[in-house]
Protein backbone atom coordinates (compact mmCIF):
# COMPACT_ATOMS: atom_id res chain seq x y z
CA MET A 1 27.43 -0.27 7.94
CA GLU A 2 24.21 -1.11 6.07
CA ASN A 3 23.96 -4.03 3.68
CA THR A 4 23.38 -2.60 -0.12
CA SER A 5 20.55 -4.99 -0.43
CA ILE A 6 18.93 -3.61 2.59
CA ALA A 7 19.34 -0.26 1.44
CA ARG A 8 18.08 -0.88 -2.10
CA GLY A 9 15.01 -2.61 -0.66
CA LYS A 10 14.24 0.32 1.70
CA LYS A 11 14.59 2.62 -1.33
CA LEU A 12 12.32 0.67 -3.45
CA ALA A 13 9.40 0.43 -0.55
CA ALA A 14 9.83 4.34 -0.31
CA ARG A 15 9.17 4.53 -3.99
CA MET A 16 6.48 2.31 -4.13
CA LEU A 17 4.99 4.03 -1.02
CA VAL A 18 5.37 7.50 -2.78
CA ALA A 19 3.88 6.15 -5.84
CA GLN A 20 0.77 4.71 -4.03
CA THR A 21 0.24 7.80 -2.29
CA VAL A 22 0.22 10.05 -5.47
CA ALA A 23 -1.81 7.59 -7.12
CA THR A 24 -4.70 7.49 -4.12
CA LEU A 25 -4.60 11.50 -4.44
CA PHE A 26 -5.20 11.46 -7.93
CA ALA A 27 -8.20 8.94 -7.81
CA ALA A 28 -9.54 11.09 -4.90
CA VAL A 29 -9.23 14.34 -6.61
CA GLY A 30 -10.81 12.82 -9.82
CA PHE A 31 -13.76 11.65 -7.72
CA TRP A 32 -14.03 14.91 -5.74
CA ILE A 33 -14.25 16.47 -9.15
CA GLY A 34 -16.61 14.18 -10.86
CA ALA A 35 -18.76 13.02 -8.11
CA GLY A 36 -18.23 15.10 -4.85
CA ALA A 37 -16.79 14.64 -1.46
CA GLY A 38 -18.31 11.64 -0.48
CA PHE A 39 -16.92 9.56 -3.48
CA ALA A 40 -13.47 11.19 -3.11
CA GLY A 41 -13.38 10.11 0.37
CA ALA A 42 -14.05 6.44 -0.59
CA ALA A 43 -11.28 6.68 -3.18
CA LEU A 44 -9.06 7.97 -0.72
CA VAL A 45 -9.72 5.34 1.95
CA GLY A 46 -9.40 2.58 -0.95
CA GLY A 47 -5.86 3.97 -1.98
CA LEU A 48 -4.97 4.11 1.79
CA ILE A 49 -5.68 0.59 2.47
CA PRO A 50 -2.77 -1.06 0.48
CA THR A 51 -0.68 1.99 1.16
CA VAL A 52 -0.71 1.45 4.89
CA ALA A 53 -0.47 -2.32 4.23
CA LEU A 54 2.35 -1.94 2.37
CA ALA A 55 4.21 0.39 4.79
CA MET A 56 3.61 -2.14 7.48
CA MET A 57 5.00 -4.87 5.55
CA ALA A 58 8.13 -3.04 4.32
CA SER A 59 8.71 -1.99 7.92
CA ARG A 60 8.27 -5.31 9.39
CA THR A 61 10.45 -7.14 6.58
CA LEU A 62 13.19 -4.87 6.23
CA ALA A 63 13.90 -3.93 9.95
CA GLY A 64 16.72 -5.34 11.88
CA GLY A 65 19.56 -5.29 9.40
CA VAL A 66 21.24 -8.39 8.05
CA LYS A 67 19.98 -11.48 8.70
CA GLY A 68 20.12 -15.33 7.87
CA PRO A 69 18.15 -16.55 5.12
CA GLU A 70 15.59 -18.50 7.39
CA SER A 71 15.01 -15.44 9.43
CA VAL A 72 14.56 -12.89 6.24
CA LEU A 73 12.07 -15.67 4.64
CA GLY A 74 10.18 -15.62 7.99
CA SER A 75 9.96 -11.91 8.24
CA LEU A 76 8.60 -11.93 4.54
CA ILE A 77 5.99 -14.46 5.08
CA VAL A 78 4.74 -12.86 8.12
CA GLY A 79 5.02 -9.63 6.70
CA MET A 80 2.87 -10.74 3.53
CA LEU A 81 0.39 -12.41 5.78
CA MET A 82 -0.11 -9.31 7.78
CA LYS A 83 -0.34 -7.21 4.83
CA TRP A 84 -3.30 -9.11 3.62
CA VAL A 85 -4.86 -9.29 6.91
CA LEU A 86 -4.83 -5.68 6.81
CA ILE A 87 -6.30 -5.33 3.34
CA ALA A 88 -9.31 -7.40 4.26
CA LEU A 89 -9.66 -5.62 7.38
CA GLY A 90 -9.74 -2.41 5.85
CA PHE A 91 -12.34 -3.82 2.95
CA TYR A 92 -14.52 -4.94 5.90
CA LEU A 93 -14.48 -1.79 7.87
CA ALA A 94 -14.83 0.29 4.64
CA LEU A 95 -17.70 -1.80 3.46
CA ALA A 96 -19.58 -3.27 6.28
CA VAL A 97 -18.99 -0.80 8.99
CA PHE A 98 -18.74 2.58 7.39
CA LYS A 99 -20.80 1.63 4.22
CA LEU A 100 -18.43 3.72 1.66
CA PRO A 101 -19.62 3.90 -1.89
CA VAL A 102 -18.00 0.52 -3.71
CA LEU A 103 -16.84 1.90 -6.95
CA PRO A 104 -14.66 4.65 -5.76
CA LEU A 105 -13.29 2.58 -3.10
CA PHE A 106 -12.08 -0.14 -5.41
CA ALA A 107 -11.06 2.45 -7.87
CA GLY A 108 -8.66 3.97 -5.12
CA PHE A 109 -7.46 0.47 -4.45
CA VAL A 110 -6.80 -0.24 -8.03
CA ALA A 111 -4.95 2.99 -8.55
CA ALA A 112 -2.70 2.72 -5.70
CA PHE A 113 -1.99 -1.06 -6.02
CA SER A 114 -1.16 -0.54 -9.74
CA ALA A 115 1.39 2.07 -8.81
CA GLN A 116 2.90 -0.02 -6.32
CA PHE A 117 3.59 -2.26 -9.51
CA VAL A 118 4.88 0.31 -11.91
CA ALA A 119 6.96 1.67 -9.21
CA GLY A 120 8.52 -1.78 -8.53
CA ILE A 121 9.43 -2.03 -12.32
CA LEU A 122 10.99 1.23 -12.65
CA LYS A 123 14.79 1.33 -12.61
CA ASP A 124 16.92 3.61 -10.38
C-alpha cells in the first residue's frame, strides 16, 4: 500500500507537469501566430527545459516508496541539483549550440515555470 503523502506528491507533480506543458504550448502557439515557426520552436524549447527538469526531479524524488527522513532529504537535494544542472545545460545548448532566439526562449521558460507555481498553489 502506498503512503498517502507519496500519492499526493505524485498527484501534485503530475498536475505541475500538465500545467507546464499547457503553458509551453500556449507560448509556442502565440509565437507561431505572431512571429513564425522559428520563434515558436524557441518558445517550445524554452518551455520544455523546466518541464523535463521537473519530470526528472519528480521521478528521482518520489521513487522508492516510503523512506527515512535522511533518505528523503538526500533524494530531494540530489533531485533539485539535477534539475538546476539540466536547466543550465538546456539553456547552454539552446543559446550557444543551437543559437535560438532569446526572447521566445525565455518567454517559453517563464510561462512553463510560472505554471508550475500556479499548479502548486491550487488546492485539490
